[in-house]
């Protein structure tokens, strides 16, 4: 079980690194004006999303489910765990929304400014803080 927990934590770290970095790439992409930079950001975004972000999300969810299965009755009886699951569901939605935004950039159909993406970039930070507090402090 400790090996599963270790790999779960590694997957979470990788997923969040990508969740932090992809919207930052959107900021820079939205500010770009030359075609070389625009094309470079499209490649970087695609590789990050497909090569790191999505596999890390899948690993996080699979390994987290595996850990949960060891003591399912306990976890399902805890309010903090339900709050954590709700935030994880929101993160999955955020993840796929990032994919949608990436496709808009790919198709040169982005309509949002770099300011929008600067705010959008903070969403996973807030979720991470809340999830860690739920898991460590278990406030309710």
N, C-alpha and C. Protein backbone atom coordinates (compact mmCIF):
# COMPACT_ATOMS: atom_id res chain seq x y z
N UNK A 1 0.81 -1.19 0.00
CA UNK A 1 0.00 0.00 0.00
C UNK A 1 0.87 1.27 0.00
N UNK A 2 2.00 1.24 0.65
CA UNK A 2 2.87 2.43 0.66
C UNK A 2 3.41 2.74 -0.73
N UNK A 3 3.67 1.72 -1.54
CA UNK A 3 4.12 1.95 -2.92
C UNK A 3 3.02 2.63 -3.72
N UNK A 4 1.81 2.20 -3.53
CA UNK A 4 0.68 2.80 -4.23
C UNK A 4 0.54 4.27 -3.80
N UNK A 5 0.64 4.52 -2.50
CA UNK A 5 0.55 5.89 -1.99
C UNK A 5 1.67 6.76 -2.55
N UNK A 6 2.89 6.21 -2.59
CA UNK A 6 4.02 6.98 -3.13
C UNK A 6 3.79 7.35 -4.59
N UNK A 7 3.35 6.38 -5.39
CA UNK A 7 3.12 6.68 -6.81
C UNK A 7 1.91 7.58 -7.01
N UNK A 8 0.93 7.48 -6.11
CA UNK A 8 -0.22 8.40 -6.17
C UNK A 8 0.25 9.83 -5.93
N UNK A 9 1.07 10.04 -4.93
CA UNK A 9 1.59 11.38 -4.62
C UNK A 9 2.43 11.91 -5.79
N UNK A 10 3.25 11.06 -6.38
CA UNK A 10 4.05 11.46 -7.54
C UNK A 10 3.14 11.88 -8.69
N UNK A 11 2.09 11.09 -8.94
CA UNK A 11 1.16 11.41 -10.02
C UNK A 11 0.44 12.73 -9.75
N UNK A 12 0.03 12.95 -8.50
CA UNK A 12 -0.64 14.21 -8.13
C UNK A 12 0.29 15.39 -8.39
N UNK A 13 1.55 15.26 -7.98
CA UNK A 13 2.52 16.34 -8.20
C UNK A 13 2.68 16.63 -9.69
N UNK A 14 2.81 15.60 -10.49
CA UNK A 14 2.96 15.79 -11.94
C UNK A 14 1.72 16.42 -12.55
N UNK A 15 0.54 15.96 -12.12
CA UNK A 15 -0.71 16.51 -12.65
C UNK A 15 -0.83 18.00 -12.30
N UNK A 16 -0.56 18.34 -11.05
CA UNK A 16 -0.66 19.74 -10.66
C UNK A 16 0.39 20.60 -11.33
N UNK A 17 1.58 20.08 -11.52
CA UNK A 17 2.60 20.85 -12.24
C UNK A 17 2.07 21.23 -13.62
N UNK A 18 1.45 20.28 -14.28
CA UNK A 18 0.90 20.54 -15.61
C UNK A 18 -0.32 21.47 -15.53
N UNK A 19 -1.16 21.28 -14.50
CA UNK A 19 -2.32 22.16 -14.33
C UNK A 19 -1.90 23.61 -14.07
N UNK A 20 -0.74 23.79 -13.45
CA UNK A 20 -0.22 25.13 -13.23
C UNK A 20 0.43 25.69 -14.50
N UNK A 21 1.10 24.84 -15.26
CA UNK A 21 1.91 25.31 -16.38
C UNK A 21 1.11 25.55 -17.66
N UNK A 22 0.14 24.70 -17.96
CA UNK A 22 -0.60 24.86 -19.21
C UNK A 22 -1.32 26.22 -19.28
N UNK A 23 -2.06 26.62 -18.24
CA UNK A 23 -2.67 27.96 -18.32
C UNK A 23 -1.63 29.09 -18.40
N UNK A 24 -0.46 28.89 -17.83
CA UNK A 24 0.61 29.89 -17.96
C UNK A 24 1.04 29.96 -19.42
N UNK A 25 1.11 28.82 -20.10
CA UNK A 25 1.40 28.84 -21.54
C UNK A 25 0.31 29.58 -22.30
N UNK A 26 -0.95 29.44 -21.85
CA UNK A 26 -2.05 30.17 -22.48
C UNK A 26 -1.83 31.68 -22.34
N UNK A 27 -1.34 32.12 -21.18
CA UNK A 27 -1.06 33.56 -20.98
C UNK A 27 -0.08 34.04 -22.04
N UNK A 28 1.04 33.32 -22.16
CA UNK A 28 2.07 33.73 -23.11
C UNK A 28 1.59 33.60 -24.56
N UNK A 29 0.82 32.57 -24.83
CA UNK A 29 0.29 32.37 -26.18
C UNK A 29 -0.65 33.52 -26.55
N UNK A 30 -1.52 33.90 -25.60
CA UNK A 30 -2.46 34.99 -25.86
C UNK A 30 -1.74 36.32 -26.10
N UNK A 31 -0.54 36.46 -25.56
CA UNK A 31 0.24 37.68 -25.74
C UNK A 31 1.09 37.65 -27.01
N UNK A 32 1.26 36.49 -27.60
CA UNK A 32 2.14 36.34 -28.77
C UNK A 32 1.55 36.98 -30.00
N UNK A 33 2.46 37.54 -30.79
CA UNK A 33 2.02 38.18 -32.02
C UNK A 33 2.72 37.62 -33.25
N UNK A 34 3.89 37.00 -33.06
CA UNK A 34 4.61 36.46 -34.23
C UNK A 34 4.28 34.98 -34.41
N UNK A 35 4.26 34.55 -35.66
CA UNK A 35 3.84 33.19 -35.99
C UNK A 35 4.76 32.12 -35.41
N UNK A 36 6.04 32.40 -35.32
CA UNK A 36 6.98 31.42 -34.76
C UNK A 36 6.62 31.12 -33.31
N UNK A 37 6.35 32.14 -32.53
CA UNK A 37 5.97 31.94 -31.12
C UNK A 37 4.64 31.23 -31.01
N UNK A 38 3.68 31.64 -31.82
CA UNK A 38 2.35 31.02 -31.80
C UNK A 38 2.46 29.53 -32.10
N UNK A 39 3.20 29.18 -33.12
CA UNK A 39 3.38 27.76 -33.48
C UNK A 39 4.10 26.99 -32.37
N UNK A 40 5.09 27.61 -31.76
CA UNK A 40 5.83 26.97 -30.67
C UNK A 40 4.91 26.69 -29.48
N UNK A 41 4.06 27.66 -29.13
CA UNK A 41 3.15 27.46 -28.00
C UNK A 41 2.13 26.36 -28.30
N UNK A 42 1.68 26.27 -29.53
CA UNK A 42 0.75 25.19 -29.89
C UNK A 42 1.39 23.82 -29.66
N UNK A 43 2.64 23.67 -30.04
CA UNK A 43 3.35 22.40 -29.86
C UNK A 43 3.56 22.13 -28.37
N UNK A 44 4.02 23.13 -27.64
CA UNK A 44 4.27 22.96 -26.20
C UNK A 44 2.98 22.56 -25.46
N UNK A 45 1.89 23.22 -25.79
CA UNK A 45 0.62 22.94 -25.14
C UNK A 45 0.16 21.52 -25.43
N UNK A 46 0.24 21.10 -26.68
CA UNK A 46 -0.19 19.76 -27.06
C UNK A 46 0.64 18.70 -26.36
N UNK A 47 1.96 18.87 -26.35
CA UNK A 47 2.83 17.89 -25.71
C UNK A 47 2.61 17.82 -24.21
N UNK A 48 2.42 18.97 -23.58
CA UNK A 48 2.17 18.99 -22.14
C UNK A 48 0.85 18.31 -21.82
N UNK A 49 -0.20 18.65 -22.56
CA UNK A 49 -1.54 18.11 -22.28
C UNK A 49 -1.59 16.60 -22.52
N UNK A 50 -1.08 16.17 -23.67
CA UNK A 50 -1.17 14.75 -24.02
C UNK A 50 -0.10 13.89 -23.37
N UNK A 51 1.09 14.44 -23.20
CA UNK A 51 2.22 13.63 -22.73
C UNK A 51 2.41 13.60 -21.23
N UNK A 52 1.95 14.65 -20.54
CA UNK A 52 2.17 14.71 -19.10
C UNK A 52 0.85 14.87 -18.34
N UNK A 53 0.07 15.86 -18.73
CA UNK A 53 -1.11 16.22 -17.95
C UNK A 53 -2.15 15.11 -17.91
N UNK A 54 -2.54 14.60 -19.06
CA UNK A 54 -3.58 13.57 -19.08
C UNK A 54 -3.11 12.24 -18.49
N UNK A 55 -1.91 11.74 -18.84
CA UNK A 55 -1.47 10.51 -18.17
C UNK A 55 -1.34 10.67 -16.65
N UNK A 56 -0.92 11.84 -16.19
CA UNK A 56 -0.80 12.08 -14.74
C UNK A 56 -2.17 12.10 -14.08
N UNK A 57 -3.16 12.68 -14.76
CA UNK A 57 -4.51 12.69 -14.22
C UNK A 57 -5.03 11.26 -14.10
N UNK A 58 -4.86 10.48 -15.15
CA UNK A 58 -5.34 9.09 -15.14
C UNK A 58 -4.66 8.31 -14.01
N UNK A 59 -3.35 8.45 -13.88
CA UNK A 59 -2.61 7.75 -12.82
C UNK A 59 -3.09 8.20 -11.45
N UNK A 60 -3.32 9.50 -11.28
CA UNK A 60 -3.81 10.02 -10.00
C UNK A 60 -5.15 9.40 -9.65
N UNK A 61 -6.06 9.37 -10.60
CA UNK A 61 -7.40 8.84 -10.34
C UNK A 61 -7.38 7.33 -10.08
N UNK A 62 -6.62 6.61 -10.88
CA UNK A 62 -6.55 5.15 -10.70
C UNK A 62 -5.91 4.79 -9.36
N UNK A 63 -4.77 5.40 -9.08
CA UNK A 63 -4.07 5.09 -7.83
C UNK A 63 -4.86 5.59 -6.61
N UNK A 64 -5.51 6.73 -6.73
CA UNK A 64 -6.35 7.23 -5.65
C UNK A 64 -7.53 6.31 -5.39
N UNK A 65 -8.15 5.83 -6.46
CA UNK A 65 -9.23 4.86 -6.31
C UNK A 65 -8.76 3.57 -5.66
N UNK A 66 -7.58 3.15 -6.05
CA UNK A 66 -6.98 1.94 -5.48
C UNK A 66 -6.76 2.13 -3.97
N UNK A 67 -6.20 3.27 -3.58
CA UNK A 67 -6.00 3.56 -2.16
C UNK A 67 -7.33 3.62 -1.41
N UNK A 68 -8.31 4.24 -2.03
CA UNK A 68 -9.62 4.36 -1.40
C UNK A 68 -10.24 2.99 -1.17
N UNK A 69 -9.99 2.06 -2.06
CA UNK A 69 -10.60 0.73 -1.96
C UNK A 69 -10.13 -0.05 -0.73
N UNK A 70 -9.00 0.31 -0.17
CA UNK A 70 -8.50 -0.38 1.02
C UNK A 70 -9.36 -0.13 2.26
N UNK A 71 -10.05 1.01 2.28
CA UNK A 71 -10.88 1.34 3.44
C UNK A 71 -12.09 2.15 2.99
N UNK A 72 -12.81 1.61 2.03
CA UNK A 72 -13.89 2.31 1.36
C UNK A 72 -14.97 2.80 2.34
N UNK A 73 -15.39 1.94 3.25
CA UNK A 73 -16.46 2.33 4.18
C UNK A 73 -16.07 3.55 5.01
N UNK A 74 -14.83 3.58 5.48
CA UNK A 74 -14.37 4.72 6.27
C UNK A 74 -14.42 6.00 5.44
N UNK A 75 -13.81 5.96 4.26
CA UNK A 75 -13.73 7.17 3.45
C UNK A 75 -15.11 7.69 3.06
N UNK A 76 -15.99 6.79 2.70
CA UNK A 76 -17.32 7.22 2.28
C UNK A 76 -18.16 7.75 3.43
N UNK A 77 -17.73 7.52 4.66
CA UNK A 77 -18.47 8.04 5.82
C UNK A 77 -17.92 9.38 6.30
N UNK A 78 -16.90 9.89 5.66
CA UNK A 78 -16.23 11.12 6.09
C UNK A 78 -16.63 12.31 5.21
N UNK A 79 -17.11 13.38 5.84
CA UNK A 79 -17.53 14.58 5.10
C UNK A 79 -16.35 15.22 4.38
N UNK A 80 -15.17 15.26 5.01
CA UNK A 80 -14.00 15.87 4.38
C UNK A 80 -13.66 15.15 3.08
N UNK A 81 -13.87 13.83 3.06
CA UNK A 81 -13.54 13.06 1.87
C UNK A 81 -14.52 13.37 0.74
N UNK A 82 -15.79 13.58 1.09
CA UNK A 82 -16.77 13.96 0.06
C UNK A 82 -16.42 15.33 -0.53
N UNK A 83 -15.97 16.24 0.32
CA UNK A 83 -15.54 17.56 -0.16
C UNK A 83 -14.33 17.43 -1.08
N UNK A 84 -13.41 16.55 -0.69
CA UNK A 84 -12.22 16.31 -1.52
C UNK A 84 -12.63 15.74 -2.88
N UNK A 85 -13.54 14.77 -2.88
CA UNK A 85 -13.99 14.18 -4.14
C UNK A 85 -14.68 15.21 -5.03
N UNK A 86 -15.41 16.12 -4.42
CA UNK A 86 -16.06 17.18 -5.19
C UNK A 86 -15.02 18.07 -5.86
N UNK A 87 -13.96 18.42 -5.12
CA UNK A 87 -12.89 19.23 -5.71
C UNK A 87 -12.13 18.47 -6.79
N UNK A 88 -11.94 17.18 -6.59
CA UNK A 88 -11.28 16.37 -7.62
C UNK A 88 -12.13 16.35 -8.89
N UNK A 89 -13.43 16.20 -8.73
CA UNK A 89 -14.32 16.24 -9.90
C UNK A 89 -14.20 17.59 -10.60
N UNK A 90 -14.13 18.67 -9.82
CA UNK A 90 -13.97 20.00 -10.41
C UNK A 90 -12.64 20.11 -11.14
N UNK A 91 -11.59 19.50 -10.59
CA UNK A 91 -10.28 19.51 -11.25
C UNK A 91 -10.31 18.76 -12.57
N UNK A 92 -11.04 17.66 -12.61
CA UNK A 92 -11.17 16.91 -13.85
C UNK A 92 -11.88 17.76 -14.90
N UNK A 93 -12.94 18.46 -14.48
CA UNK A 93 -13.64 19.38 -15.40
C UNK A 93 -12.68 20.47 -15.86
N UNK A 94 -11.91 21.05 -14.95
CA UNK A 94 -10.91 22.07 -15.28
C UNK A 94 -9.90 21.52 -16.29
N UNK A 95 -9.46 20.29 -16.05
CA UNK A 95 -8.50 19.64 -16.93
C UNK A 95 -9.04 19.58 -18.37
N UNK A 96 -10.27 19.09 -18.51
CA UNK A 96 -10.84 18.96 -19.85
C UNK A 96 -11.18 20.32 -20.47
N UNK A 97 -11.50 21.29 -19.62
CA UNK A 97 -11.72 22.64 -20.13
C UNK A 97 -10.40 23.21 -20.67
N UNK A 98 -9.31 22.91 -19.99
CA UNK A 98 -7.98 23.30 -20.51
C UNK A 98 -7.76 22.69 -21.90
N UNK A 99 -8.17 21.44 -22.06
CA UNK A 99 -8.06 20.80 -23.37
C UNK A 99 -8.87 21.52 -24.42
N UNK A 100 -10.06 21.96 -24.04
CA UNK A 100 -10.90 22.71 -24.98
C UNK A 100 -10.24 24.03 -25.36
N UNK A 101 -9.70 24.73 -24.35
CA UNK A 101 -9.01 25.99 -24.63
C UNK A 101 -7.79 25.76 -25.52
N UNK A 102 -7.08 24.67 -25.27
CA UNK A 102 -5.91 24.34 -26.09
C UNK A 102 -6.32 24.16 -27.55
N UNK A 103 -7.45 23.51 -27.77
CA UNK A 103 -7.93 23.32 -29.15
C UNK A 103 -8.34 24.65 -29.79
N UNK A 104 -8.89 25.56 -28.99
CA UNK A 104 -9.21 26.88 -29.53
C UNK A 104 -7.94 27.62 -29.97
N UNK A 105 -6.90 27.52 -29.15
CA UNK A 105 -5.62 28.12 -29.55
C UNK A 105 -5.09 27.43 -30.81
N UNK A 106 -5.16 26.10 -30.84
CA UNK A 106 -4.66 25.35 -31.99
C UNK A 106 -5.34 25.82 -33.28
N UNK A 107 -6.66 26.06 -33.18
CA UNK A 107 -7.45 26.45 -34.35
C UNK A 107 -7.48 27.97 -34.56
N UNK A 108 -6.63 28.70 -33.82
CA UNK A 108 -6.57 30.16 -33.90
C UNK A 108 -7.92 30.81 -33.64
N UNK A 109 -8.67 30.27 -32.65
CA UNK A 109 -9.99 30.79 -32.32
C UNK A 109 -10.08 31.29 -30.88
N UNK A 110 -8.94 31.54 -30.27
CA UNK A 110 -8.96 32.09 -28.91
C UNK A 110 -9.53 33.49 -28.93
N UNK A 111 -10.45 33.79 -28.03
CA UNK A 111 -11.06 35.11 -27.95
C UNK A 111 -10.77 35.80 -26.61
N UNK A 112 -10.01 35.14 -25.75
CA UNK A 112 -9.76 35.68 -24.41
C UNK A 112 -8.38 36.34 -24.35
N UNK A 113 -8.27 37.29 -23.43
CA UNK A 113 -7.00 38.01 -23.27
C UNK A 113 -6.08 37.27 -22.31
N UNK A 114 -4.84 37.70 -22.28
CA UNK A 114 -3.88 37.13 -21.34
C UNK A 114 -4.31 37.38 -19.90
N UNK A 115 -5.08 38.43 -19.66
CA UNK A 115 -5.56 38.73 -18.30
C UNK A 115 -6.53 37.65 -17.81
N UNK A 116 -7.40 37.18 -18.70
CA UNK A 116 -8.30 36.08 -18.34
C UNK A 116 -7.50 34.86 -17.91
N UNK A 117 -6.48 34.52 -18.69
CA UNK A 117 -5.69 33.33 -18.39
C UNK A 117 -4.85 33.49 -17.11
N UNK A 118 -4.48 34.70 -16.78
CA UNK A 118 -3.76 34.92 -15.52
C UNK A 118 -4.65 34.58 -14.32
N UNK A 119 -5.91 34.94 -14.40
CA UNK A 119 -6.86 34.60 -13.33
C UNK A 119 -7.19 33.11 -13.39
N UNK A 120 -7.44 32.61 -14.58
CA UNK A 120 -7.76 31.20 -14.78
C UNK A 120 -6.66 30.30 -14.22
N UNK A 121 -5.43 30.75 -14.30
CA UNK A 121 -4.26 30.01 -13.83
C UNK A 121 -4.27 29.80 -12.31
N UNK A 122 -5.01 30.61 -11.58
CA UNK A 122 -5.03 30.52 -10.12
C UNK A 122 -6.02 29.49 -9.59
N UNK A 123 -6.94 29.04 -10.41
CA UNK A 123 -7.98 28.11 -9.96
C UNK A 123 -7.39 26.82 -9.37
N UNK A 124 -6.45 26.14 -10.05
CA UNK A 124 -5.94 24.90 -9.45
C UNK A 124 -5.14 25.14 -8.16
N UNK A 125 -4.57 26.33 -8.00
CA UNK A 125 -3.85 26.63 -6.76
C UNK A 125 -4.83 26.61 -5.59
N UNK A 126 -5.97 27.26 -5.77
CA UNK A 126 -6.98 27.29 -4.71
C UNK A 126 -7.50 25.89 -4.40
N UNK A 127 -7.71 25.10 -5.44
CA UNK A 127 -8.19 23.73 -5.24
C UNK A 127 -7.15 22.88 -4.52
N UNK A 128 -5.89 23.05 -4.87
CA UNK A 128 -4.83 22.30 -4.22
C UNK A 128 -4.77 22.62 -2.73
N UNK A 129 -4.84 23.90 -2.40
CA UNK A 129 -4.81 24.31 -0.99
C UNK A 129 -5.96 23.66 -0.24
N UNK A 130 -7.15 23.72 -0.80
CA UNK A 130 -8.32 23.14 -0.13
C UNK A 130 -8.19 21.62 0.01
N UNK A 131 -7.75 20.94 -1.03
CA UNK A 131 -7.62 19.48 -0.97
C UNK A 131 -6.61 19.07 0.09
N UNK A 132 -5.47 19.73 0.13
CA UNK A 132 -4.45 19.39 1.13
C UNK A 132 -4.99 19.62 2.54
N UNK A 133 -5.71 20.72 2.74
CA UNK A 133 -6.30 20.97 4.06
C UNK A 133 -7.31 19.89 4.41
N UNK A 134 -8.16 19.49 3.46
CA UNK A 134 -9.13 18.44 3.73
C UNK A 134 -8.44 17.14 4.12
N UNK A 135 -7.37 16.78 3.42
CA UNK A 135 -6.70 15.51 3.67
C UNK A 135 -5.89 15.53 4.97
N UNK A 136 -5.20 16.61 5.24
CA UNK A 136 -4.30 16.66 6.41
C UNK A 136 -5.04 17.08 7.69
N UNK A 137 -5.83 18.15 7.60
CA UNK A 137 -6.49 18.69 8.79
C UNK A 137 -7.81 17.97 9.07
N UNK A 138 -8.49 17.56 8.02
CA UNK A 138 -9.82 16.91 8.13
C UNK A 138 -10.75 17.75 9.00
N UNK A 139 -11.06 18.97 8.52
CA UNK A 139 -11.79 19.94 9.35
C UNK A 139 -13.22 19.55 9.69
N UNK A 140 -13.79 18.61 8.98
CA UNK A 140 -15.16 18.18 9.30
C UNK A 140 -15.34 16.73 8.92
